[in-house]
């Protein structure tokens, strides 16, 4: 009998997760803080500060900061349970 190779349901043809990647500090700030009028610049600064202290799970590609949505959501849950 011929074996059929299967792949994890969360992987695409490259073997990478289908989880959306958030590109840019501004977009990461929107996910974490929402879109509060008058807070945009402050929230972006908070993101860069957390990245510089290695408190926020991100990675860089081509000089831009990136994060997986699921990783950010897990990080938020960890912050909630630690509080």
N, C-alpha and C. Protein backbone atom coordinates (compact mmCIF):
# COMPACT_ATOMS: atom_id res chain seq x y z
N UNK A 1 0.84 -1.17 0.00
CA UNK A 1 0.00 0.00 0.00
C UNK A 1 0.89 1.24 0.00
N UNK A 2 0.54 2.22 -0.79
CA UNK A 2 1.32 3.45 -0.91
C UNK A 2 1.01 4.39 0.25
N UNK A 3 2.08 4.92 0.87
CA UNK A 3 1.90 5.86 1.98
C UNK A 3 1.63 7.25 1.41
N UNK A 4 0.73 7.95 2.04
CA UNK A 4 0.42 9.32 1.64
C UNK A 4 1.02 10.26 2.66
N UNK A 5 1.87 11.15 2.19
CA UNK A 5 2.49 12.11 3.09
C UNK A 5 1.49 13.20 3.42
N UNK A 6 1.43 13.54 4.67
CA UNK A 6 0.56 14.63 5.10
C UNK A 6 1.40 15.71 5.75
N UNK A 7 0.84 16.87 5.80
CA UNK A 7 1.53 17.97 6.46
C UNK A 7 0.63 18.54 7.53
N UNK A 8 1.21 19.21 8.51
CA UNK A 8 0.37 19.80 9.55
C UNK A 8 -0.65 20.75 8.95
N UNK A 9 -1.82 20.79 9.54
CA UNK A 9 -2.88 21.63 8.99
C UNK A 9 -2.55 23.11 9.06
N UNK A 10 -1.61 23.50 9.92
CA UNK A 10 -1.27 24.92 10.05
C UNK A 10 -0.10 25.33 9.15
N UNK A 11 0.35 24.45 8.31
CA UNK A 11 1.50 24.76 7.46
C UNK A 11 1.05 24.96 6.02
N UNK A 12 1.76 25.84 5.32
CA UNK A 12 1.50 26.02 3.89
C UNK A 12 2.56 25.26 3.11
N UNK A 13 2.66 25.47 1.82
CA UNK A 13 3.61 24.71 1.00
C UNK A 13 5.07 24.96 1.37
N UNK A 14 5.37 26.07 2.02
CA UNK A 14 6.74 26.35 2.44
C UNK A 14 7.07 25.73 3.78
N UNK A 15 6.07 25.17 4.46
CA UNK A 15 6.28 24.60 5.77
C UNK A 15 6.15 25.65 6.87
N UNK A 16 5.84 26.89 6.50
CA UNK A 16 5.70 27.95 7.48
C UNK A 16 4.25 28.06 7.92
N UNK A 17 4.05 28.65 9.07
CA UNK A 17 2.70 28.81 9.62
C UNK A 17 1.88 29.76 8.76
N UNK A 18 0.57 29.56 8.74
CA UNK A 18 -0.35 30.47 8.04
C UNK A 18 -0.72 31.66 8.92
N UNK A 19 -0.20 31.70 10.14
CA UNK A 19 -0.48 32.77 11.07
C UNK A 19 -0.02 34.10 10.48
N UNK A 20 -0.89 35.11 10.46
CA UNK A 20 -0.50 36.38 9.86
C UNK A 20 0.65 37.07 10.61
N UNK A 21 1.52 37.66 9.84
CA UNK A 21 2.63 38.42 10.40
C UNK A 21 2.25 39.90 10.37
N UNK A 22 2.45 40.57 11.49
CA UNK A 22 2.18 42.00 11.60
C UNK A 22 3.47 42.71 11.25
N UNK A 23 3.42 43.63 10.31
CA UNK A 23 4.61 44.33 9.84
C UNK A 23 4.56 45.77 10.32
N UNK A 24 5.62 46.19 11.00
CA UNK A 24 5.75 47.57 11.43
C UNK A 24 5.27 47.81 12.85
N UNK A 25 5.99 48.70 13.54
CA UNK A 25 5.66 49.04 14.92
C UNK A 25 4.27 49.65 15.03
N UNK A 26 3.88 50.44 14.04
CA UNK A 26 2.56 51.06 14.07
C UNK A 26 1.45 50.02 14.08
N UNK A 27 1.59 49.00 13.25
CA UNK A 27 0.57 47.95 13.19
C UNK A 27 0.58 47.08 14.44
N UNK A 28 1.76 46.83 15.00
CA UNK A 28 1.84 46.08 16.26
C UNK A 28 1.15 46.88 17.36
N UNK A 29 1.38 48.20 17.37
CA UNK A 29 0.74 49.07 18.36
C UNK A 29 -0.78 49.02 18.22
N UNK A 30 -1.28 48.97 17.00
CA UNK A 30 -2.73 48.90 16.78
C UNK A 30 -3.31 47.61 17.35
N UNK A 31 -2.57 46.50 17.20
CA UNK A 31 -3.04 45.22 17.72
C UNK A 31 -3.08 45.26 19.25
N UNK A 32 -2.05 45.81 19.86
CA UNK A 32 -1.95 45.81 21.32
C UNK A 32 -2.83 46.89 21.95
N UNK A 33 -2.76 48.10 21.43
CA UNK A 33 -3.43 49.24 22.07
C UNK A 33 -4.73 49.67 21.39
N UNK A 34 -4.99 49.18 20.20
CA UNK A 34 -6.14 49.65 19.45
C UNK A 34 -5.81 50.98 18.78
N UNK A 35 -6.81 51.60 18.20
CA UNK A 35 -6.61 52.88 17.51
C UNK A 35 -7.26 53.99 18.31
N UNK A 36 -6.54 54.46 19.33
CA UNK A 36 -7.04 55.53 20.18
C UNK A 36 -6.55 56.86 19.60
N UNK A 37 -7.49 57.75 19.32
CA UNK A 37 -7.14 59.04 18.73
C UNK A 37 -6.21 59.81 19.67
N UNK A 38 -5.13 60.35 19.11
CA UNK A 38 -4.19 61.15 19.87
C UNK A 38 -3.12 60.33 20.59
N UNK A 39 -3.18 59.01 20.50
CA UNK A 39 -2.22 58.15 21.20
C UNK A 39 -1.26 57.44 20.25
N UNK A 40 -1.40 57.63 18.95
CA UNK A 40 -0.64 56.87 17.96
C UNK A 40 0.87 56.93 18.20
N UNK A 41 1.43 58.14 18.26
CA UNK A 41 2.88 58.29 18.41
C UNK A 41 3.38 57.71 19.73
N UNK A 42 2.64 57.95 20.80
CA UNK A 42 3.03 57.41 22.11
C UNK A 42 3.01 55.90 22.13
N UNK A 43 2.02 55.31 21.49
CA UNK A 43 1.93 53.85 21.44
C UNK A 43 3.06 53.24 20.61
N UNK A 44 3.42 53.90 19.52
CA UNK A 44 4.54 53.42 18.70
C UNK A 44 5.83 53.49 19.50
N UNK A 45 6.02 54.57 20.25
CA UNK A 45 7.22 54.69 21.10
C UNK A 45 7.25 53.59 22.15
N UNK A 46 6.09 53.27 22.72
CA UNK A 46 6.03 52.17 23.70
C UNK A 46 6.46 50.85 23.08
N UNK A 47 6.03 50.61 21.84
CA UNK A 47 6.43 49.38 21.14
C UNK A 47 7.94 49.34 20.96
N UNK A 48 8.52 50.41 20.44
CA UNK A 48 9.98 50.44 20.24
C UNK A 48 10.72 50.30 21.56
N UNK A 49 10.20 50.89 22.63
CA UNK A 49 10.84 50.76 23.94
C UNK A 49 10.81 49.30 24.41
N UNK A 50 9.66 48.64 24.28
CA UNK A 50 9.54 47.24 24.68
C UNK A 50 10.44 46.34 23.84
N UNK A 51 10.58 46.67 22.56
CA UNK A 51 11.47 45.89 21.68
C UNK A 51 12.92 46.07 22.13
N UNK A 52 13.30 47.31 22.42
CA UNK A 52 14.69 47.57 22.81
C UNK A 52 15.05 46.89 24.12
N UNK A 53 14.06 46.69 25.00
CA UNK A 53 14.30 46.00 26.27
C UNK A 53 14.08 44.49 26.14
N UNK A 54 13.78 44.04 24.91
CA UNK A 54 13.52 42.63 24.62
C UNK A 54 12.36 42.07 25.44
N UNK A 55 11.37 42.92 25.66
CA UNK A 55 10.18 42.51 26.40
C UNK A 55 9.07 42.04 25.47
N UNK A 56 9.13 42.44 24.22
CA UNK A 56 8.08 42.14 23.25
C UNK A 56 8.63 41.16 22.22
N UNK A 57 7.93 40.04 21.96
CA UNK A 57 8.43 39.04 21.03
C UNK A 57 8.27 39.48 19.56
N UNK A 58 9.35 40.01 19.00
CA UNK A 58 9.36 40.48 17.62
C UNK A 58 10.60 39.99 16.92
N UNK A 59 10.65 40.21 15.61
CA UNK A 59 11.85 39.92 14.83
C UNK A 59 11.96 40.97 13.73
N UNK A 60 13.17 41.14 13.21
CA UNK A 60 13.41 42.14 12.17
C UNK A 60 13.70 41.48 10.84
N UNK A 61 13.15 42.07 9.80
CA UNK A 61 13.44 41.67 8.43
C UNK A 61 13.56 42.95 7.61
N UNK A 62 14.66 43.11 6.93
CA UNK A 62 14.82 44.27 6.07
C UNK A 62 14.70 45.59 6.79
N UNK A 63 15.12 45.64 8.03
CA UNK A 63 15.07 46.88 8.78
C UNK A 63 13.72 47.23 9.37
N UNK A 64 12.74 46.35 9.21
CA UNK A 64 11.41 46.59 9.78
C UNK A 64 11.12 45.54 10.84
N UNK A 65 10.37 45.94 11.83
CA UNK A 65 9.99 45.04 12.90
C UNK A 65 8.75 44.25 12.49
N UNK A 66 8.74 42.96 12.85
CA UNK A 66 7.63 42.06 12.52
C UNK A 66 7.27 41.26 13.77
N UNK A 67 6.04 40.79 13.82
CA UNK A 67 5.60 39.90 14.90
C UNK A 67 4.46 39.04 14.38
N UNK A 68 4.38 37.83 14.88
CA UNK A 68 3.24 36.97 14.55
C UNK A 68 2.08 37.34 15.46
N UNK A 69 0.91 37.42 14.90
CA UNK A 69 -0.29 37.78 15.68
C UNK A 69 -0.49 36.81 16.85
N UNK A 70 -0.34 35.50 16.62
CA UNK A 70 -0.55 34.53 17.69
C UNK A 70 0.48 34.69 18.80
N UNK A 71 1.71 35.03 18.44
CA UNK A 71 2.75 35.23 19.45
C UNK A 71 2.44 36.45 20.31
N UNK A 72 1.97 37.53 19.68
CA UNK A 72 1.59 38.73 20.43
C UNK A 72 0.42 38.42 21.35
N UNK A 73 -0.57 37.67 20.87
CA UNK A 73 -1.74 37.35 21.70
C UNK A 73 -1.33 36.47 22.89
N UNK A 74 -0.42 35.51 22.67
CA UNK A 74 0.08 34.69 23.78
C UNK A 74 0.83 35.54 24.78
N UNK A 75 1.64 36.49 24.28
CA UNK A 75 2.40 37.40 25.14
C UNK A 75 1.43 38.22 26.01
N UNK A 76 0.34 38.71 25.42
CA UNK A 76 -0.65 39.47 26.18
C UNK A 76 -1.27 38.60 27.27
N UNK A 77 -1.59 37.35 26.94
CA UNK A 77 -2.16 36.43 27.93
C UNK A 77 -1.18 36.19 29.09
N UNK A 78 0.10 36.06 28.77
CA UNK A 78 1.12 35.89 29.81
C UNK A 78 1.20 37.13 30.70
N UNK A 79 1.08 38.31 30.10
CA UNK A 79 1.12 39.54 30.89
C UNK A 79 -0.08 39.60 31.82
N UNK A 80 -1.24 39.17 31.32
CA UNK A 80 -2.45 39.17 32.13
C UNK A 80 -2.33 38.23 33.32
N UNK A 81 -1.80 37.01 33.08
CA UNK A 81 -1.70 36.06 34.18
C UNK A 81 -0.61 36.42 35.17
N UNK A 82 0.38 37.20 34.75
CA UNK A 82 1.44 37.62 35.66
C UNK A 82 0.99 38.79 36.53
N UNK A 83 -0.05 39.48 36.12
CA UNK A 83 -0.51 40.66 36.87
C UNK A 83 -1.30 40.30 38.10
